[in-house]
Amino acid sequence: MNLCTSCSLPLFARYDIEKARSIIRKDQLLYCEPTMWRYKEMMPVEYEENIITLGEGWTPLFKAKRLGELFGLSNLYLKDESLNPTGSFKARGMSAAISQAKEKGVKKIAIPTAGNAGGATAAYAAKAGQEAYVFMPDDTPDAFQIECEQYGAIVEKIDGLISDCGKIVAQRKKREGWFDISTLKEPYRVEGKKTMGYELAEQMNWQLPDVIIYPTGGGTGIIGMWKAFQEMEE
């Protein structure tokens, strides 16, 4: 469920593209639910009853006319991911990861974080009835800790960096029975993040922009965008 047993590198979910092509049609998407699960045929959940959703995805795409003029751009668009349930694009990845964890019967989730990923993990784990264990560096703003605890997560502050938090999860996950959803330690957060690529294509009438500026962070999001475009090309 996590990494390749031979090389310890991240795994990618693969799909029957021909089958998906026969099911997903552009005209039918007009009638699909306004969440990222409108693309469920290209998501790693076999049974719909295992989908854990809070209404994430299908965020608006705004044309930033005045901002574009400052940079000499006539067609500058902003996709507002702050309107996701937990306030960031992290909700996409956690919806997919927690859904897959539920499908596999996972009861305990663990993650190192210094920001929005913790709150998203706690929220979706709570919806799924799973225990969430969140490890944060000591200097993480209190708001993130409070958010996680309000959703019922167990939060532990660590005297160190986020990499130290990751080491603790790695060291204890087998003993504690945790499913590790650290960045690029499982295949499913990428699958949730890739839905932004599908949305962008659909919202722009299937004509992708010349340039996309994306906050990279740990990399799952931008990898997900690449995967979406690759799958659409196939």
Protein backbone atom coordinates (compact mmCIF):
# COMPACT_ATOMS: atom_id res chain seq x y z
CA MET A 1 0.00 0.00 0.00
CA ASN A 2 2.92 2.37 0.52
CA LEU A 3 6.22 2.02 -1.35
CA CYS A 4 7.63 -0.44 -3.86
CA THR A 5 8.95 -3.45 -1.95
CA SER A 6 11.91 -3.77 -4.34
CA CYS A 7 13.23 -0.21 -4.61
CA SER A 8 11.33 1.67 -1.85
CA LEU A 9 10.22 4.34 -4.33
CA PRO A 10 6.66 5.73 -4.55
CA LEU A 11 4.09 3.72 -6.46
CA PHE A 12 1.65 5.16 -9.00
CA ALA A 13 -1.91 3.97 -9.46
CA ARG A 14 -2.65 2.79 -12.99
CA TYR A 15 -6.03 2.56 -14.68
CA ASP A 16 -7.76 0.90 -17.61
CA ILE A 17 -7.70 3.97 -19.85
CA GLU A 18 -9.78 2.33 -22.57
CA LYS A 19 -12.52 1.43 -20.10
CA ALA A 20 -12.45 4.89 -18.55
CA ARG A 21 -12.67 6.48 -22.00
CA SER A 22 -15.90 4.58 -22.65
CA ILE A 23 -17.41 5.82 -19.38
CA ILE A 24 -16.14 9.39 -19.00
CA ARG A 25 -17.53 11.65 -21.70
CA LYS A 26 -17.27 15.41 -21.81
CA ASP A 27 -21.01 15.89 -22.22
CA GLN A 28 -21.76 13.65 -19.23
CA LEU A 29 -19.40 15.59 -16.97
CA LEU A 30 -21.86 18.49 -17.14
CA TYR A 31 -24.19 16.46 -14.91
CA CYS A 32 -21.62 15.13 -12.45
CA GLU A 33 -21.34 16.23 -8.83
CA PRO A 34 -19.30 19.43 -8.33
CA THR A 35 -16.46 17.74 -6.43
CA MET A 36 -13.21 16.09 -7.43
CA TRP A 37 -15.03 12.74 -7.38
CA ARG A 38 -16.68 13.62 -10.70
CA TYR A 39 -13.59 11.83 -12.06
CA LYS A 40 -14.04 8.77 -9.84
CA GLU A 41 -13.36 6.36 -12.71
CA MET A 42 -9.78 7.66 -12.63
CA MET A 43 -9.46 7.46 -8.85
CA PRO A 44 -8.08 4.59 -6.72
CA VAL A 45 -11.31 3.57 -4.95
CA GLU A 46 -13.16 0.48 -6.14
CA TYR A 47 -16.43 0.86 -4.22
CA GLU A 48 -18.26 4.18 -3.94
CA GLU A 49 -19.32 3.50 -0.35
CA ASN A 50 -15.65 3.86 0.64
CA ILE A 51 -15.34 7.40 -0.73
CA ILE A 52 -14.65 9.84 2.10
CA THR A 53 -15.62 13.28 0.90
CA LEU A 54 -16.34 16.66 2.46
CA GLY A 55 -17.14 18.29 -0.88
CA GLU A 56 -13.55 18.96 -1.95
CA GLY A 57 -12.60 20.04 -5.44
CA TRP A 58 -14.31 21.80 -8.35
CA THR A 59 -12.97 25.08 -7.00
CA PRO A 60 -13.59 28.22 -9.04
CA LEU A 61 -11.25 29.55 -11.71
CA PHE A 62 -11.20 33.36 -11.71
CA LYS A 63 -9.91 35.61 -14.45
CA ALA A 64 -7.58 38.09 -12.71
CA LYS A 65 -7.90 40.99 -15.15
CA ARG A 66 -6.26 43.78 -13.15
CA LEU A 67 -3.50 41.56 -11.77
CA GLY A 68 -2.84 40.32 -15.28
CA GLU A 69 -2.48 43.89 -16.54
CA LEU A 70 0.31 44.47 -14.01
CA PHE A 71 2.30 41.67 -15.64
CA GLY A 72 1.25 42.36 -19.21
CA LEU A 73 -0.94 39.27 -19.36
CA SER A 74 -4.35 39.33 -21.01
CA ASN A 75 -5.41 35.90 -19.79
CA LEU A 76 -4.29 35.33 -16.20
CA TYR A 77 -6.44 32.96 -14.15
CA LEU A 78 -6.35 32.01 -10.47
CA LYS A 79 -7.76 28.75 -9.12
CA ASP A 80 -9.02 29.38 -5.59
CA GLU A 81 -8.11 26.30 -3.56
CA SER A 82 -8.84 28.10 -0.29
CA LEU A 83 -12.49 27.14 -0.86
CA ASN A 84 -11.75 23.48 -0.21
CA PRO A 85 -13.26 22.08 3.03
CA THR A 86 -10.10 22.45 5.14
CA GLY A 87 -8.93 25.64 3.43
CA SER A 88 -6.29 24.32 1.03
CA PHE A 89 -5.57 21.90 -1.80
CA LYS A 90 -4.40 19.38 0.81
CA ALA A 91 -8.04 18.31 1.12
CA ARG A 92 -7.86 16.69 -2.31
CA GLY A 93 -4.98 14.41 -1.44
CA MET A 94 -6.36 13.44 1.94
CA SER A 95 -9.81 12.64 0.56
CA ALA A 96 -8.22 10.15 -1.84
CA ALA A 97 -5.73 8.72 0.68
CA ILE A 98 -8.24 8.31 3.50
CA SER A 99 -10.78 6.77 1.10
CA GLN A 100 -8.24 4.19 -0.02
CA ALA A 101 -7.24 3.56 3.59
CA LYS A 102 -10.89 2.89 4.47
CA GLU A 103 -11.18 0.50 1.53
CA LYS A 104 -8.17 -1.41 2.86
CA GLY A 105 -9.57 -1.54 6.40
CA VAL A 106 -7.01 0.86 7.89
CA LYS A 107 -7.93 2.14 11.36
CA LYS A 108 -4.96 4.39 12.22
CA ILE A 109 -3.34 7.16 10.18
CA ALA A 110 -0.08 9.00 10.91
CA ILE A 111 1.50 12.04 9.29
CA PRO A 112 4.33 14.54 9.91
CA THR A 113 3.30 18.10 9.08
CA ALA A 114 4.02 21.75 9.73
CA GLY A 115 0.83 23.11 8.20
CA ASN A 116 -2.39 22.40 6.32
CA ALA A 117 -1.84 18.68 5.75
CA GLY A 118 -2.39 17.97 9.43
CA GLY A 119 -5.82 19.59 9.54
CA ALA A 120 -6.88 17.85 6.34
CA THR A 121 -5.71 14.49 7.68
CA ALA A 122 -7.56 15.00 10.95
CA ALA A 123 -10.78 16.09 9.22
CA TYR A 124 -10.96 13.22 6.74
CA ALA A 125 -9.87 10.63 9.29
CA ALA A 126 -12.65 11.85 11.58
CA LYS A 127 -15.18 11.47 8.76
CA ALA A 128 -13.90 7.93 8.13
CA GLY A 129 -13.91 6.97 11.81
CA GLN A 130 -10.14 6.48 11.84
CA GLU A 131 -7.60 7.50 14.48
CA ALA A 132 -5.24 10.27 13.34
CA TYR A 133 -1.76 10.80 14.79
CA VAL A 134 -0.15 14.09 13.80
CA PHE A 135 3.49 15.03 14.48
CA MET A 136 4.52 18.69 14.26
CA PRO A 137 7.73 20.64 14.86
CA ASP A 138 7.64 22.72 18.05
CA ASP A 139 7.55 25.99 16.12
CA THR A 140 4.41 25.10 14.15
CA PRO A 141 1.76 27.82 14.67
CA ASP A 142 -0.73 26.89 17.39
CA ALA A 143 -3.65 27.31 14.99
CA PHE A 144 -2.64 24.15 13.13
CA GLN A 145 -2.42 22.14 16.34
CA ILE A 146 -5.79 23.39 17.55
CA GLU A 147 -7.42 22.56 14.22
CA CYS A 148 -6.15 18.97 14.35
CA GLU A 149 -7.22 18.50 17.95
CA GLN A 150 -10.68 19.91 17.26
CA TYR A 151 -11.14 17.15 14.69
CA GLY A 152 -10.08 14.58 17.29
CA ALA A 153 -6.50 13.92 16.21
CA ILE A 154 -3.72 13.12 18.66
CA VAL A 155 -1.03 15.77 18.17
CA GLU A 156 2.57 15.49 19.33
CA LYS A 157 4.97 18.43 19.10
CA ILE A 158 8.58 17.50 18.34
CA ASP A 159 11.76 19.40 19.21
CA GLY A 160 13.15 19.39 15.70
CA LEU A 161 12.29 19.78 12.03
CA ILE A 162 9.52 18.22 9.99
CA SER A 163 12.08 15.66 8.79
CA ASP A 164 12.48 14.59 12.43
CA CYS A 165 8.71 14.19 12.66
CA GLY A 166 8.85 12.00 9.57
CA LYS A 167 11.52 9.82 11.15
CA ILE A 168 9.32 9.25 14.19
CA VAL A 169 6.42 8.14 12.02
CA ALA A 170 8.72 5.81 10.07
CA GLN A 171 10.19 4.32 13.24
CA ARG A 172 6.89 3.73 15.02
CA LYS A 173 4.40 2.96 12.25
CA LYS A 174 4.91 -0.80 12.22
CA ARG A 175 4.71 -1.13 15.99
CA GLU A 176 1.71 1.19 16.31
CA GLY A 177 -0.16 -0.11 13.27
CA TRP A 178 -0.21 3.28 11.53
CA PHE A 179 -0.77 3.84 7.83
CA ASP A 180 1.92 6.37 6.90
CA ILE A 181 0.57 9.12 4.63
CA SER A 182 3.73 11.22 4.66
CA THR A 183 4.63 13.03 1.44
CA LEU A 184 5.38 10.51 -1.32
CA LYS A 185 5.27 7.59 1.11
CA GLU A 186 2.04 6.25 -0.44
CA PRO A 187 0.42 6.48 -3.91
CA TYR A 188 -2.93 8.04 -3.11
CA ARG A 189 -2.39 11.69 -2.20
CA VAL A 190 -1.02 12.20 -5.71
CA GLU A 191 -4.28 10.79 -7.07
CA GLY A 192 -6.33 13.34 -5.19
CA LYS A 193 -4.05 16.21 -6.16
CA LYS A 194 -4.18 15.26 -9.84
CA THR A 195 -7.87 16.15 -9.98
CA MET A 196 -6.89 19.81 -10.13
CA GLY A 197 -5.36 19.05 -13.52
CA TYR A 198 -8.57 17.45 -14.75
CA GLU A 199 -10.60 20.38 -13.43
CA LEU A 200 -8.33 22.93 -15.03
CA ALA A 201 -8.71 21.24 -18.40
CA GLU A 202 -12.48 20.98 -18.06
CA GLN A 203 -12.93 24.56 -16.81
CA MET A 204 -10.84 25.88 -19.72
CA ASN A 205 -12.86 23.93 -22.29
CA TRP A 206 -10.10 21.31 -22.64
CA GLN A 207 -7.50 23.86 -23.77
CA LEU A 208 -4.66 23.87 -21.25
CA PRO A 209 -2.83 27.14 -20.49
CA ASP A 210 0.65 27.87 -21.81
CA VAL A 211 2.08 28.21 -18.29
CA ILE A 212 0.97 26.89 -14.89
CA ILE A 213 2.46 28.29 -11.69
CA TYR A 214 2.04 25.78 -8.88
CA PRO A 215 3.22 25.83 -5.22
CA THR A 216 5.55 22.84 -5.16
CA GLY A 217 6.15 22.09 -1.46
CA GLY A 218 6.75 18.36 -1.08
CA GLY A 219 5.93 17.72 -4.73
CA THR A 220 2.79 15.56 -4.62
CA GLY A 221 0.64 18.27 -6.18
CA ILE A 222 2.79 19.07 -9.18
CA ILE A 223 3.40 15.36 -9.77
CA GLY A 224 -0.35 14.88 -9.66
CA MET A 225 -0.86 17.60 -12.28
CA TRP A 226 1.67 15.88 -14.55
CA LYS A 227 -0.11 12.55 -14.02
CA ALA A 228 -3.49 14.07 -14.92
CA PHE A 229 -2.15 15.51 -18.16
CA GLN A 230 -0.40 12.22 -18.98
CA GLU A 231 -3.60 10.26 -18.43
CA MET A 232 -5.64 12.69 -20.52
CA GLU A 233 -3.10 12.43 -23.32
CA GLU A 234 -3.37 8.64 -23.23
